[in-house]
């Protein structure tokens, strides 16, 4: 089981890398939070795949770091 509190912090941090506008940060963070609570890791993975084409290299690297971090803890 994925521990939602560290995951929530990672997603919140990622939202600030993916978006610069405060409203976009808040909207993405809220969407990610709801996805995490309702669908867990599979939902987050789907959310991350959904937006992959619109990311630059540094954003994609941040997503990769998040995936590595959360994937390693999804069964704890």
N, C-alpha and C. Protein backbone atom coordinates (compact mmCIF):
# COMPACT_ATOMS: atom_id res chain seq x y z
N UNK A 1 0.84 -1.17 0.00
CA UNK A 1 0.00 0.00 0.00
C UNK A 1 0.89 1.24 0.00
N UNK A 2 0.56 2.19 -0.81
CA UNK A 2 1.30 3.43 -0.93
C UNK A 2 0.95 4.32 0.25
N UNK A 3 1.95 4.82 0.94
CA UNK A 3 1.73 5.76 2.05
C UNK A 3 1.36 7.11 1.44
N UNK A 4 0.14 7.55 1.67
CA UNK A 4 -0.36 8.72 0.96
C UNK A 4 0.27 10.04 1.41
N UNK A 5 0.75 10.13 2.64
CA UNK A 5 1.27 11.41 3.10
C UNK A 5 2.59 11.79 2.41
N UNK A 6 3.59 10.90 2.35
CA UNK A 6 4.78 11.26 1.57
C UNK A 6 4.45 11.41 0.08
N UNK A 7 3.56 10.58 -0.42
CA UNK A 7 3.17 10.67 -1.83
C UNK A 7 2.53 12.03 -2.11
N UNK A 8 1.69 12.47 -1.20
CA UNK A 8 1.03 13.76 -1.35
C UNK A 8 2.06 14.88 -1.44
N UNK A 9 3.08 14.85 -0.60
CA UNK A 9 4.12 15.88 -0.63
C UNK A 9 4.88 15.85 -1.95
N UNK A 10 5.22 14.66 -2.42
CA UNK A 10 5.92 14.53 -3.71
C UNK A 10 5.07 15.09 -4.85
N UNK A 11 3.79 14.79 -4.83
CA UNK A 11 2.90 15.29 -5.89
C UNK A 11 2.76 16.80 -5.82
N UNK A 12 2.67 17.33 -4.63
CA UNK A 12 2.59 18.77 -4.46
C UNK A 12 3.85 19.46 -4.99
N UNK A 13 5.00 18.89 -4.68
CA UNK A 13 6.26 19.43 -5.20
C UNK A 13 6.32 19.33 -6.72
N UNK A 14 5.88 18.21 -7.26
CA UNK A 14 5.90 18.02 -8.71
C UNK A 14 5.00 19.03 -9.41
N UNK A 15 3.87 19.34 -8.81
CA UNK A 15 2.95 20.29 -9.45
C UNK A 15 3.62 21.64 -9.68
N UNK A 16 4.53 22.02 -8.77
CA UNK A 16 5.24 23.29 -8.90
C UNK A 16 6.30 23.24 -10.00
N UNK A 17 6.74 22.05 -10.35
CA UNK A 17 7.67 21.88 -11.45
C UNK A 17 6.94 21.86 -12.78
N UNK A 18 5.76 21.28 -12.78
CA UNK A 18 4.99 21.15 -14.02
C UNK A 18 4.27 22.43 -14.43
N UNK A 19 3.96 23.28 -13.45
CA UNK A 19 3.16 24.48 -13.72
C UNK A 19 3.78 25.70 -13.06
N UNK A 20 3.61 26.85 -13.66
CA UNK A 20 4.11 28.09 -13.09
C UNK A 20 2.99 28.97 -12.55
N UNK A 21 1.82 28.86 -13.11
CA UNK A 21 0.68 29.65 -12.68
C UNK A 21 0.08 29.05 -11.40
N UNK A 22 -0.15 29.89 -10.41
CA UNK A 22 -0.67 29.41 -9.12
C UNK A 22 -2.00 28.66 -9.25
N UNK A 23 -2.87 29.14 -10.12
CA UNK A 23 -4.16 28.46 -10.32
C UNK A 23 -3.95 27.08 -10.95
N UNK A 24 -3.02 26.97 -11.89
CA UNK A 24 -2.72 25.67 -12.50
C UNK A 24 -2.08 24.72 -11.50
N UNK A 25 -1.20 25.25 -10.65
CA UNK A 25 -0.58 24.44 -9.60
C UNK A 25 -1.65 23.88 -8.68
N UNK A 26 -2.54 24.74 -8.24
CA UNK A 26 -3.61 24.32 -7.32
C UNK A 26 -4.54 23.31 -7.97
N UNK A 27 -4.90 23.54 -9.23
CA UNK A 27 -5.81 22.62 -9.92
C UNK A 27 -5.17 21.25 -10.12
N UNK A 28 -3.89 21.23 -10.55
CA UNK A 28 -3.22 19.94 -10.77
C UNK A 28 -3.02 19.22 -9.45
N UNK A 29 -2.65 19.95 -8.41
CA UNK A 29 -2.44 19.34 -7.09
C UNK A 29 -3.74 18.73 -6.58
N UNK A 30 -4.84 19.44 -6.75
CA UNK A 30 -6.13 18.91 -6.32
C UNK A 30 -6.51 17.67 -7.11
N UNK A 31 -6.30 17.71 -8.41
CA UNK A 31 -6.59 16.54 -9.25
C UNK A 31 -5.74 15.34 -8.84
N UNK A 32 -4.45 15.59 -8.61
CA UNK A 32 -3.55 14.51 -8.21
C UNK A 32 -3.95 13.95 -6.84
N UNK A 33 -4.33 14.82 -5.92
CA UNK A 33 -4.75 14.37 -4.59
C UNK A 33 -5.98 13.47 -4.69
N UNK A 34 -6.96 13.90 -5.44
CA UNK A 34 -8.18 13.10 -5.62
C UNK A 34 -7.86 11.77 -6.29
N UNK A 35 -7.00 11.81 -7.29
CA UNK A 35 -6.60 10.58 -7.99
C UNK A 35 -5.89 9.63 -7.03
N UNK A 36 -5.00 10.16 -6.23
CA UNK A 36 -4.27 9.33 -5.26
C UNK A 36 -5.23 8.67 -4.28
N UNK A 37 -6.16 9.43 -3.75
CA UNK A 37 -7.09 8.88 -2.76
C UNK A 37 -8.06 7.88 -3.37
N UNK A 38 -8.50 8.13 -4.58
CA UNK A 38 -9.50 7.26 -5.20
C UNK A 38 -8.90 6.04 -5.90
N UNK A 39 -7.74 6.22 -6.53
CA UNK A 39 -7.20 5.16 -7.38
C UNK A 39 -5.81 4.67 -6.98
N UNK A 40 -5.17 5.35 -6.06
CA UNK A 40 -3.84 4.94 -5.62
C UNK A 40 -2.80 5.09 -6.72
N UNK A 41 -1.74 4.27 -6.62
CA UNK A 41 -0.63 4.34 -7.57
C UNK A 41 -1.07 4.17 -9.02
N UNK A 42 -1.95 3.22 -9.35
CA UNK A 42 -2.35 3.09 -10.76
C UNK A 42 -2.97 4.37 -11.33
N UNK A 43 -3.73 5.06 -10.52
CA UNK A 43 -4.32 6.32 -10.97
C UNK A 43 -3.28 7.40 -11.19
N UNK A 44 -2.32 7.49 -10.29
CA UNK A 44 -1.24 8.47 -10.44
C UNK A 44 -0.43 8.16 -11.68
N UNK A 45 -0.14 6.90 -11.88
CA UNK A 45 0.62 6.49 -13.07
C UNK A 45 -0.14 6.89 -14.35
N UNK A 46 -1.44 6.69 -14.37
CA UNK A 46 -2.25 7.08 -15.53
C UNK A 46 -2.24 8.60 -15.71
N UNK A 47 -2.34 9.34 -14.63
CA UNK A 47 -2.30 10.80 -14.70
C UNK A 47 -0.97 11.27 -15.27
N UNK A 48 0.11 10.68 -14.83
CA UNK A 48 1.43 11.07 -15.32
C UNK A 48 1.62 10.74 -16.80
N UNK A 49 1.11 9.59 -17.22
CA UNK A 49 1.21 9.21 -18.64
C UNK A 49 0.37 10.14 -19.52
N UNK A 50 -0.77 10.54 -19.01
CA UNK A 50 -1.72 11.36 -19.76
C UNK A 50 -1.10 12.67 -20.26
N UNK A 51 -0.22 13.25 -19.48
CA UNK A 51 0.33 14.57 -19.81
C UNK A 51 1.76 14.52 -20.32
N UNK A 52 2.28 13.33 -20.58
CA UNK A 52 3.70 13.17 -20.90
C UNK A 52 4.16 13.97 -22.11
N UNK A 53 3.37 14.05 -23.13
CA UNK A 53 3.80 14.70 -24.38
C UNK A 53 4.01 16.20 -24.25
N UNK A 54 3.39 16.82 -23.26
CA UNK A 54 3.49 18.27 -23.12
C UNK A 54 4.63 18.72 -22.21
N UNK A 55 5.44 17.80 -21.70
CA UNK A 55 6.50 18.15 -20.76
C UNK A 55 7.83 18.42 -21.45
N UNK A 56 8.59 19.33 -20.83
CA UNK A 56 9.96 19.54 -21.29
C UNK A 56 10.87 18.53 -20.59
N UNK A 57 12.15 18.55 -20.91
CA UNK A 57 13.08 17.56 -20.37
C UNK A 57 13.19 17.62 -18.84
N UNK A 58 13.26 18.82 -18.28
CA UNK A 58 13.40 18.91 -16.82
C UNK A 58 12.13 18.46 -16.11
N UNK A 59 10.99 18.76 -16.70
CA UNK A 59 9.72 18.29 -16.12
C UNK A 59 9.64 16.77 -16.20
N UNK A 60 10.06 16.22 -17.32
CA UNK A 60 10.03 14.76 -17.48
C UNK A 60 10.97 14.09 -16.48
N UNK A 61 12.12 14.71 -16.23
CA UNK A 61 13.06 14.18 -15.25
C UNK A 61 12.44 14.18 -13.85
N UNK A 62 11.72 15.25 -13.51
CA UNK A 62 11.06 15.34 -12.21
C UNK A 62 9.97 14.26 -12.07
N UNK A 63 9.25 14.00 -13.15
CA UNK A 63 8.25 12.94 -13.15
C UNK A 63 8.93 11.59 -12.95
N UNK A 64 10.05 11.39 -13.62
CA UNK A 64 10.80 10.14 -13.46
C UNK A 64 11.25 9.92 -12.03
N UNK A 65 11.71 10.98 -11.38
CA UNK A 65 12.12 10.89 -9.98
C UNK A 65 10.94 10.53 -9.09
N UNK A 66 9.79 11.15 -9.36
CA UNK A 66 8.60 10.83 -8.58
C UNK A 66 8.20 9.37 -8.77
N UNK A 67 8.21 8.92 -10.01
CA UNK A 67 7.86 7.52 -10.28
C UNK A 67 8.78 6.58 -9.52
N UNK A 68 10.07 6.83 -9.58
CA UNK A 68 11.03 5.98 -8.89
C UNK A 68 10.78 5.99 -7.39
N UNK A 69 10.54 7.14 -6.84
CA UNK A 69 10.31 7.26 -5.41
C UNK A 69 9.03 6.55 -4.98
N UNK A 70 7.94 6.81 -5.67
CA UNK A 70 6.66 6.23 -5.28
C UNK A 70 6.54 4.75 -5.64
N UNK A 71 7.09 4.37 -6.76
CA UNK A 71 7.01 2.96 -7.17
C UNK A 71 7.73 2.07 -6.18
N UNK A 72 8.81 2.56 -5.60
CA UNK A 72 9.55 1.78 -4.62
C UNK A 72 8.79 1.58 -3.33
N UNK A 73 7.75 2.38 -3.09
CA UNK A 73 7.00 2.32 -1.84
C UNK A 73 5.55 1.91 -2.01
N UNK A 74 5.15 1.56 -3.20
CA UNK A 74 3.74 1.29 -3.43
C UNK A 74 3.21 0.07 -2.70
N UNK A 75 4.07 -0.84 -2.29
CA UNK A 75 3.60 -2.05 -1.60
C UNK A 75 3.88 -2.02 -0.11
N UNK A 76 4.35 -0.90 0.42
CA UNK A 76 4.66 -0.80 1.83
C UNK A 76 3.43 -0.43 2.62
